[in-house]
Amino acid sequence: MDSQSTQLGYGHHTLPMTAEDLCPDLDPALLARKGRLFLLATPEVNQQALVWICRDYYSSRSFDAVPTLVHSMTQGFRDHGDLEGSLFLLAVQRGLDMYLVGTVDAIVRLARFNVARDLFDPLAVRAGFRMALTEHAATVHTPALYSTVWRLVRGDVLLMTTRPAAGSIRSEGLLRVARSGGSMQRAARALSRRGRASAPVIIVRFSQIMPVPDVPVPPRPDSEPQLPQAPRHHRAGTSPVLVAGLIAFLAVALMIWRTGANLQVSDIPAYLQAFFFAEPTPTTPAESAEVQEIEEHITYEAPELVSPYAGARITAPQVELVWTMPVERTPDMRFELLVEGPANVPPVRTLTVGEQYTLTEGEPGWYRWTVRLISVTEGESPVALSPRAETVTFHWSAGAQ
């Protein structure tokens, strides 16, 4: 993301840093694939904690921005208690989408054409206003977080600030900034003077939306090497096919002579087929063993489902199901994955050792998935070691591009 596609402005009491400033050694290809990370924080923030959050986000195997941001921010608050009150919002721009994850004190306002509206205001949602925010519950060491996703267009201007400053910045002022096309740095400083002096303010103008690059495919050689072919040798002597045919004919003739049947020449092929290719007798397959729900064997907490998150809409040709369970596993432990899709799609039920599974076939519609830990011992029925994780529902437009 270059400066010509995104223009940034920082208020007086704002940490003027992005992911490139915190982690200058980031791979540009990885930065383009996972998006550009913005952080709304005060200058007094623990910058080492921000560096840890930045590296945690970009080093994650998941490309699902919202759950990865929630995980990074939650771990940051848990391990660095001084972050609360100085870090308010994480935002990632990737292609046309802006992903927002923040605390209850964060406010994000959009100016588009001649309209200004709030995109991120947790207290407004609690008061009953309609806003597409997802709440992530607080824990003992971390505050409640909220997340949303917004589709950008060229010319959008976003104001990121905190609640005390947002009350003093009028929508008309933000619209004038969007129409003027001037310096975002001067605009951010002017708007921050109208709010509280200690509140951080960031203004972002999206002059051009850069597409998300594809993963490069290694070039193939112009001429692929041909495997050597062994020369064909003609077999000398009598063909074994002829010998087998003569044996079959003699066997049929002997059977007819012993039974005294009146055989027509046209019936010989049918006799040969019945003699050498008898129809198999169908058998009933043994039913697969079900995992027993034995209360005394449930000794672990349920796994945590990471991606996709609840309500996610996925248009990729395949879906990466990712979960985590921080326990020391023994060789007999497996994860039992259950995925239920639309009515015309058979459910997926499989066992896996790792904490990831890829769905490659499906029909457009809503899917439900869950995971639990089981013990599989040869010669014994599987036993559940944890309850199922709380079912997560997501929408998959399979095969859409």
Protein backbone atom coordinates (compact mmCIF):
# COMPACT_ATOMS: atom_id res chain seq x y z
CA MET A 1 0.00 0.00 0.00
CA ASP A 2 1.76 3.17 -1.07
CA SER A 3 1.22 6.79 -0.02
CA GLN A 4 -0.63 7.59 -3.22
CA SER A 5 -3.40 5.10 -2.47
CA THR A 6 -3.83 5.91 1.26
CA GLN A 7 -3.33 9.33 2.88
CA LEU A 8 -2.89 9.41 6.67
CA GLY A 9 -3.19 12.21 9.20
CA TYR A 10 -2.45 12.03 12.94
CA GLY A 11 -3.76 14.30 15.68
CA HIS A 12 -1.63 16.00 18.34
CA HIS A 13 -2.00 13.27 20.99
CA THR A 14 -1.71 10.25 18.66
CA LEU A 15 1.04 7.70 18.13
CA PRO A 16 2.03 8.26 14.44
CA MET A 17 2.92 4.67 13.59
CA THR A 18 1.62 1.93 11.29
CA ALA A 19 2.71 -1.69 10.84
CA GLU A 20 5.57 -0.65 8.53
CA ASP A 21 6.97 1.62 11.27
CA LEU A 22 6.65 -0.95 14.06
CA CYS A 23 7.95 -3.91 12.03
CA PRO A 24 10.19 -2.53 9.25
CA ASP A 25 11.43 -6.02 8.35
CA LEU A 26 7.99 -7.25 7.20
CA ASP A 27 7.92 -9.02 3.84
CA PRO A 28 6.16 -6.66 1.37
CA ALA A 29 4.33 -9.62 -0.19
CA LEU A 30 3.02 -10.71 3.23
CA LEU A 31 2.03 -7.12 4.02
CA ALA A 32 0.07 -6.93 0.77
CA ARG A 33 -1.65 -10.29 1.37
CA LYS A 34 -2.66 -9.66 5.00
CA GLY A 35 -3.38 -5.96 4.61
CA ARG A 36 -2.10 -2.73 6.14
CA LEU A 37 -2.46 -2.49 9.93
CA PHE A 38 -3.43 0.81 11.62
CA LEU A 39 -3.28 1.28 15.41
CA LEU A 40 -5.22 3.98 17.30
CA ALA A 41 -3.10 4.61 20.39
CA THR A 42 -1.73 7.41 22.55
CA PRO A 43 1.98 8.35 22.54
CA GLU A 44 2.34 6.92 26.08
CA VAL A 45 1.52 3.40 24.89
CA ASN A 46 3.98 0.57 25.44
CA GLN A 47 5.50 0.38 21.95
CA GLN A 48 7.07 -3.02 22.61
CA ALA A 49 3.56 -4.36 23.20
CA LEU A 50 2.46 -2.88 19.85
CA VAL A 51 5.42 -4.55 18.13
CA TRP A 52 4.33 -7.87 19.66
CA ILE A 53 0.74 -7.36 18.42
CA CYS A 54 1.99 -6.47 14.94
CA ARG A 55 4.20 -9.56 14.70
CA ASP A 56 1.48 -11.80 16.13
CA TYR A 57 -0.99 -10.65 13.45
CA TYR A 58 1.39 -11.02 10.49
CA SER A 59 2.90 -14.31 11.69
CA SER A 60 -0.49 -16.00 12.11
CA ARG A 61 -1.28 -18.79 9.64
CA SER A 62 -4.86 -17.54 9.34
CA PHE A 63 -5.76 -14.99 6.66
CA ASP A 64 -9.15 -14.34 8.29
CA ALA A 65 -8.53 -10.80 9.54
CA VAL A 66 -11.19 -10.37 12.25
CA PRO A 67 -10.48 -13.45 14.42
CA THR A 68 -6.73 -12.89 14.01
CA LEU A 69 -7.04 -9.26 15.15
CA VAL A 70 -9.25 -10.31 18.08
CA HIS A 71 -6.68 -12.92 19.11
CA SER A 72 -3.74 -10.50 18.82
CA MET A 73 -5.50 -7.72 20.74
CA THR A 74 -6.76 -10.08 23.45
CA GLN A 75 -3.32 -11.58 23.98
CA GLY A 76 -1.79 -8.10 24.03
CA PHE A 77 -4.18 -6.90 26.77
CA ARG A 78 -3.61 -10.10 28.75
CA ASP A 79 0.19 -10.01 28.63
CA HIS A 80 0.60 -6.21 28.81
CA GLY A 81 -1.75 -4.76 31.40
CA ASP A 82 -0.67 -1.18 30.66
CA LEU A 83 -2.24 -1.32 27.17
CA GLU A 84 -5.76 -0.73 28.48
CA GLY A 85 -6.50 2.97 28.24
CA SER A 86 -3.76 3.63 25.67
CA LEU A 87 -4.69 1.25 22.78
CA PHE A 88 -8.25 1.56 21.48
CA LEU A 89 -8.50 0.20 17.93
CA LEU A 90 -6.83 -2.10 15.39
CA ALA A 91 -7.80 -1.61 11.74
CA VAL A 92 -6.66 -3.53 8.66
CA GLN A 93 -7.23 -2.43 5.06
CA ARG A 94 -7.02 -5.32 2.61
CA GLY A 95 -8.16 -4.61 -0.90
CA LEU A 96 -11.69 -3.21 -0.79
CA ASP A 97 -12.37 -4.20 2.83
CA MET A 98 -11.63 -2.45 6.11
CA TYR A 99 -11.59 -4.72 9.20
CA LEU A 100 -12.09 -3.00 12.58
CA VAL A 101 -11.55 -4.47 16.07
CA GLY A 102 -11.58 -2.23 19.13
CA THR A 103 -12.71 -1.50 22.66
CA VAL A 104 -15.91 0.17 23.84
CA ASP A 105 -14.16 3.59 23.84
CA ALA A 106 -13.26 3.53 20.11
CA ILE A 107 -15.29 5.46 17.53
CA VAL A 108 -14.96 5.20 13.72
CA ARG A 109 -16.89 7.62 11.51
CA LEU A 110 -17.17 7.48 7.70
CA ALA A 111 -17.53 10.39 5.28
CA ARG A 112 -18.70 9.24 1.85
CA PHE A 113 -19.84 11.75 -0.76
CA ASN A 114 -22.19 14.05 1.22
CA VAL A 115 -23.08 11.64 4.04
CA ALA A 116 -21.34 11.02 7.37
CA ARG A 117 -22.23 8.02 9.53
CA ASP A 118 -20.83 6.01 12.42
CA LEU A 119 -19.33 2.63 11.52
CA PHE A 120 -18.02 1.65 14.96
CA ASP A 121 -19.80 2.73 18.16
CA PRO A 122 -20.40 -0.06 20.71
CA LEU A 123 -22.47 2.11 23.07
CA ALA A 124 -24.82 3.05 20.24
CA VAL A 125 -25.46 -0.65 19.60
CA ARG A 126 -26.22 -1.19 23.27
CA ALA A 127 -28.69 1.70 23.09
CA GLY A 128 -30.57 -0.02 20.27
CA PHE A 129 -29.17 1.68 17.17
CA ARG A 130 -28.69 -0.60 14.16
CA MET A 131 -25.01 -1.20 13.50
CA ALA A 132 -23.26 -4.36 12.26
CA LEU A 133 -21.01 -4.95 15.27
CA THR A 134 -20.04 -8.32 16.74
CA GLU A 135 -19.25 -8.42 20.46
CA HIS A 136 -16.43 -10.59 21.82
CA ALA A 137 -16.97 -11.19 25.52
CA ALA A 138 -14.59 -9.85 28.15
CA THR A 139 -12.44 -12.10 30.32
CA VAL A 140 -10.83 -11.64 33.72
CA HIS A 141 -7.76 -9.94 32.22
CA THR A 142 -9.11 -8.46 28.95
CA PRO A 143 -11.92 -6.00 28.13
CA ALA A 144 -14.80 -6.71 25.77
CA LEU A 145 -13.90 -6.23 22.11
CA TYR A 146 -16.10 -5.40 19.12
CA SER A 147 -15.55 -6.06 15.42
CA THR A 148 -17.00 -5.18 12.03
CA VAL A 149 -16.11 -5.20 8.32
CA TRP A 150 -16.79 -2.36 5.87
CA ARG A 151 -16.48 -2.25 2.08
CA LEU A 152 -14.59 0.83 0.86
CA VAL A 153 -14.98 2.97 -2.26
CA ARG A 154 -12.61 5.49 -3.74
CA GLY A 155 -12.73 8.82 -1.91
CA ASP A 156 -13.87 7.45 1.47
CA VAL A 157 -12.57 9.30 4.53
CA LEU A 158 -12.44 7.53 7.91
CA LEU A 159 -12.12 9.27 11.26
CA MET A 160 -10.73 7.02 14.02
CA THR A 161 -10.84 8.46 17.53
CA THR A 162 -12.18 7.88 21.04
CA ARG A 163 -15.54 8.71 22.56
CA PRO A 164 -14.54 11.96 24.34
CA ALA A 165 -13.15 13.48 21.13
CA ALA A 166 -15.93 12.18 18.86
CA GLY A 167 -18.55 14.14 20.77
CA SER A 168 -16.79 17.41 19.92
CA ILE A 169 -16.11 16.68 16.22
CA ARG A 170 -19.18 17.49 14.15
CA SER A 171 -20.11 15.59 11.00
CA GLU A 172 -20.04 18.83 8.97
CA GLY A 173 -16.36 19.26 9.76
CA LEU A 174 -15.55 15.73 8.60
CA LEU A 175 -17.54 16.25 5.38
CA ARG A 176 -15.59 19.45 4.66
CA VAL A 177 -12.37 17.46 5.03
CA ALA A 178 -13.67 14.84 2.58
CA ARG A 179 -14.68 17.48 0.00
CA SER A 180 -11.58 19.64 0.29
CA GLY A 181 -9.02 17.03 -0.75
CA GLY A 182 -6.34 18.81 1.28
CA SER A 183 -3.66 17.49 3.59
CA MET A 184 -4.92 14.79 5.95
CA GLN A 185 -2.24 15.74 8.48
CA ARG A 186 -3.49 19.34 8.76
CA ALA A 187 -7.09 18.12 8.89
CA ALA A 188 -6.34 15.66 11.70
CA ARG A 189 -4.60 18.32 13.77
CA ALA A 190 -7.44 20.77 13.20
CA LEU A 191 -10.10 18.24 14.24
CA SER A 192 -8.09 17.11 17.27
CA ARG A 193 -7.99 20.70 18.54
CA ARG A 194 -11.79 20.72 18.58
CA GLY A 195 -11.92 17.59 20.72
CA ARG A 196 -10.12 16.78 23.94
CA ALA A 197 -6.41 17.44 23.73
CA SER A 198 -5.54 14.03 25.20
CA ALA A 199 -7.65 12.00 22.74
CA PRO A 200 -5.96 10.30 19.74
CA VAL A 201 -7.26 11.13 16.24
CA ILE A 202 -6.44 9.44 12.91
CA ILE A 203 -7.89 10.44 9.53
CA VAL A 204 -7.48 8.16 6.49
CA ARG A 205 -8.41 9.02 2.90
CA PHE A 206 -8.57 6.17 0.38
CA SER A 207 -7.68 7.76 -2.94
CA GLN A 208 -7.22 4.44 -4.73
CA ILE A 209 -8.10 0.87 -3.74
CA MET A 210 -5.21 -1.50 -4.37
CA PRO A 211 -6.16 -5.12 -5.19
CA VAL A 212 -4.96 -7.99 -3.03
CA PRO A 213 -2.17 -9.75 -4.96
CA ASP A 214 -2.37 -13.42 -5.77
CA VAL A 215 0.16 -15.87 -4.44
CA PRO A 216 2.88 -16.12 -7.12
CA VAL A 217 3.14 -19.43 -8.92
CA PRO A 218 6.68 -20.66 -9.57
CA PRO A 219 7.49 -20.68 -13.31
CA ARG A 220 7.47 -24.00 -15.07
CA PRO A 221 10.33 -24.96 -17.40
CA ASP A 222 9.77 -24.53 -21.12
CA SER A 223 10.34 -28.20 -21.78
CA GLU A 224 9.61 -30.76 -19.11
CA PRO A 225 11.95 -33.77 -19.02
CA GLN A 226 10.53 -36.92 -20.50
CA LEU A 227 10.79 -40.08 -18.45
CA PRO A 228 12.75 -42.83 -20.21
CA GLN A 229 10.57 -45.61 -21.59
CA ALA A 230 11.75 -49.19 -21.55
CA PRO A 231 11.67 -50.87 -24.98
CA ARG A 232 8.88 -53.35 -25.51
CA HIS A 233 10.00 -56.95 -25.92
CA HIS A 234 7.78 -59.38 -27.84
CA ARG A 235 7.19 -62.56 -25.89
CA ALA A 236 8.30 -65.72 -27.66
CA GLY A 237 6.25 -68.90 -27.59
CA THR A 238 2.57 -69.55 -26.95
CA SER A 239 0.45 -66.68 -25.61
CA PRO A 240 -0.86 -67.26 -22.05
CA VAL A 241 -4.21 -65.82 -23.14
CA LEU A 242 -4.60 -68.65 -25.66
CA VAL A 243 -3.75 -71.24 -22.99
CA ALA A 244 -6.30 -69.72 -20.58
CA GLY A 245 -8.96 -69.76 -23.29
CA LEU A 246 -8.35 -73.45 -24.05
CA ILE A 247 -8.53 -74.34 -20.34
CA ALA A 248 -11.80 -72.44 -20.01
CA PHE A 249 -13.29 -74.19 -23.03
CA LEU A 250 -12.29 -77.62 -21.69
CA ALA A 251 -13.74 -76.79 -18.26
CA VAL A 252 -17.09 -75.79 -19.77
CA ALA A 253 -17.14 -78.90 -22.00
CA LEU A 254 -16.43 -81.14 -18.99
CA MET A 255 -19.20 -79.47 -16.98
CA ILE A 256 -21.71 -79.97 -19.83
CA TRP A 257 -20.69 -83.64 -20.29
CA ARG A 258 -21.11 -84.38 -16.57
CA THR A 259 -24.51 -82.65 -16.30
CA GLY A 260 -25.83 -83.85 -19.66
CA ALA A 261 -27.06 -80.37 -20.59
CA ASN A 262 -28.13 -79.60 -24.18
CA LEU A 263 -25.78 -76.73 -25.05
CA GLN A 264 -26.19 -74.40 -28.02
CA VAL A 265 -23.12 -72.76 -29.55
CA SER A 266 -24.58 -69.30 -28.83
CA ASP A 267 -24.70 -70.12 -25.08
CA ILE A 268 -20.95 -70.78 -24.74
CA PRO A 269 -20.00 -67.10 -23.91
CA ALA A 270 -22.61 -67.02 -21.11
CA TYR A 271 -21.22 -70.24 -19.61
CA LEU A 272 -17.67 -68.89 -19.75
CA GLN A 273 -18.70 -65.67 -18.00
CA ALA A 274 -20.59 -67.57 -15.29
CA PHE A 275 -17.62 -69.87 -14.74
CA PHE A 276 -14.90 -67.22 -14.48
CA PHE A 277 -16.82 -64.05 -13.50
CA ALA A 278 -19.40 -65.12 -10.97
CA GLU A 279 -21.57 -62.30 -9.55
CA PRO A 280 -20.40 -61.27 -6.08
CA THR A 281 -22.66 -61.88 -3.10
CA PRO A 282 -23.56 -58.55 -1.45
CA THR A 283 -22.67 -58.20 2.21
CA THR A 284 -23.75 -55.64 4.79
CA PRO A 285 -20.85 -53.34 5.73
CA ALA A 286 -19.99 -53.10 9.38
CA GLU A 287 -21.24 -49.89 10.97
CA SER A 288 -18.57 -47.43 12.07
CA ALA A 289 -18.10 -47.09 15.77
CA GLU A 290 -19.65 -43.97 17.30
CA VAL A 291 -17.78 -41.90 19.84
CA GLN A 292 -19.13 -42.72 23.26
CA GLU A 293 -20.22 -39.84 25.46
CA ILE A 294 -18.78 -41.07 28.77
CA GLU A 295 -18.96 -38.39 31.42
CA GLU A 296 -16.03 -39.57 33.52
CA HIS A 297 -13.68 -39.48 30.50
CA ILE A 298 -14.38 -35.82 29.62
CA THR A 299 -11.29 -34.26 31.20
CA TYR A 300 -10.54 -31.29 28.91
CA GLU A 301 -12.26 -28.06 27.95
CA ALA A 302 -13.80 -27.82 24.48
CA PRO A 303 -11.50 -26.68 21.63
CA GLU A 304 -11.62 -23.01 20.60
CA LEU A 305 -12.88 -22.42 17.04
CA VAL A 306 -10.70 -19.74 15.39
CA SER A 307 -11.82 -19.50 11.76
CA PRO A 308 -14.31 -19.05 10.19
CA TYR A 309 -15.96 -16.96 12.92
CA ALA A 310 -19.72 -16.85 13.53
CA GLY A 311 -21.60 -15.12 10.71
CA ALA A 312 -18.63 -15.01 8.32
CA ARG A 313 -19.36 -14.92 4.58
CA ILE A 314 -16.76 -16.75 2.48
CA THR A 315 -16.59 -16.67 -1.33
CA ALA A 316 -13.33 -18.59 -1.79
CA PRO A 317 -13.24 -21.96 -3.62
CA GLN A 318 -12.19 -23.63 -0.36
CA VAL A 319 -12.59 -22.99 3.36
CA GLU A 320 -9.85 -23.40 5.97
CA LEU A 321 -11.33 -24.58 9.28
CA VAL A 322 -8.91 -23.64 12.08
CA TRP A 323 -9.21 -24.34 15.80
CA THR A 324 -6.89 -24.45 18.79
CA MET A 325 -6.60 -26.52 21.95
CA PRO A 326 -3.51 -25.86 24.10
CA VAL A 327 -3.12 -29.31 25.69
CA GLU A 328 -0.30 -31.82 25.56
CA ARG A 329 -1.61 -34.57 23.30
CA THR A 330 -0.72 -38.25 23.29
CA PRO A 331 -0.46 -40.42 20.12
CA ASP A 332 -3.98 -41.84 20.63
CA MET A 333 -5.68 -38.41 20.61
CA ARG A 334 -7.55 -37.17 17.55
CA PHE A 335 -9.87 -34.29 16.75
CA GLU A 336 -13.34 -35.26 15.54
CA LEU A 337 -14.62 -32.61 13.09
CA LEU A 338 -18.32 -32.35 12.20
CA VAL A 339 -19.50 -30.03 9.38
CA GLU A 340 -23.18 -29.80 8.42
CA GLY A 341 -24.15 -27.91 5.29
CA PRO A 342 -27.32 -27.31 3.24
CA ALA A 343 -29.91 -30.08 2.94
CA ASN A 344 -28.47 -31.43 -0.33
CA VAL A 345 -24.88 -31.64 1.00
CA PRO A 346 -23.92 -34.71 3.06
CA PRO A 347 -22.34 -33.87 6.42
CA VAL A 348 -18.57 -34.16 6.85
CA ARG A 349 -17.40 -36.20 9.84
CA THR A 350 -13.70 -36.97 10.00
CA LEU A 351 -10.77 -37.45 12.37
CA THR A 352 -7.61 -35.38 12.14
CA VAL A 353 -4.39 -35.01 14.12
CA GLY A 354 -3.75 -31.33 13.37
CA GLU A 355 -5.78 -28.25 14.23
CA GLN A 356 -6.82 -27.46 10.66
CA TYR A 357 -9.00 -28.94 7.91
CA THR A 358 -9.76 -27.76 4.36
CA LEU A 359 -13.24 -27.95 2.83
CA THR A 360 -12.91 -28.20 -0.95
CA GLU A 361 -16.38 -29.29 -2.10
CA GLY A 362 -19.77 -27.89 -1.23
CA GLU A 363 -22.84 -25.99 -2.36
CA PRO A 364 -23.65 -22.33 -1.61
CA GLY A 365 -25.43 -21.97 1.71
CA TRP A 366 -25.04 -21.88 5.48
CA TYR A 367 -22.69 -24.34 7.20
CA ARG A 368 -22.34 -25.34 10.86
CA TRP A 369 -19.13 -26.81 12.29
CA THR A 370 -17.78 -28.01 15.61
CA VAL A 371 -14.81 -30.01 16.95
CA ARG A 372 -14.06 -32.19 19.97
CA LEU A 373 -11.08 -34.19 21.25
CA ILE A 374 -11.34 -37.98 21.35
CA SER A 375 -9.15 -40.97 22.16
CA VAL A 376 -8.78 -43.69 19.53
CA THR A 377 -7.24 -46.98 20.71
CA GLU A 378 -6.95 -50.02 18.44
CA GLY A 379 -9.49 -52.67 19.31
CA GLU A 380 -11.57 -50.34 21.49
CA SER A 381 -14.39 -47.91 20.84
CA PRO A 382 -13.42 -44.22 20.60
CA VAL A 383 -13.97 -42.21 23.78
CA ALA A 384 -14.73 -38.48 24.00
CA LEU A 385 -12.16 -36.53 26.03
CA SER A 386 -13.79 -33.09 25.67
CA PRO A 387 -17.24 -31.71 24.91
CA ARG A 388 -17.97 -30.35 21.46
CA ALA A 389 -17.02 -26.73 20.85
CA GLU A 390 -19.93 -24.32 20.58
CA THR A 391 -21.25 -24.65 17.03
CA VAL A 392 -20.24 -21.84 14.64
CA THR A 393 -22.34 -20.97 11.59
CA PHE A 394 -20.91 -19.36 8.43
CA HIS A 395 -22.06 -18.79 4.85
CA TRP A 396 -20.02 -20.29 2.01
CA SER A 397 -20.53 -19.41 -1.64
CA ALA A 398 -18.53 -22.43 -2.78
CA GLY A 399 -16.57 -21.95 -5.98
CA ALA A 400 -17.32 -18.24 -6.25
CA GLN A 401 -14.49 -15.99 -7.28
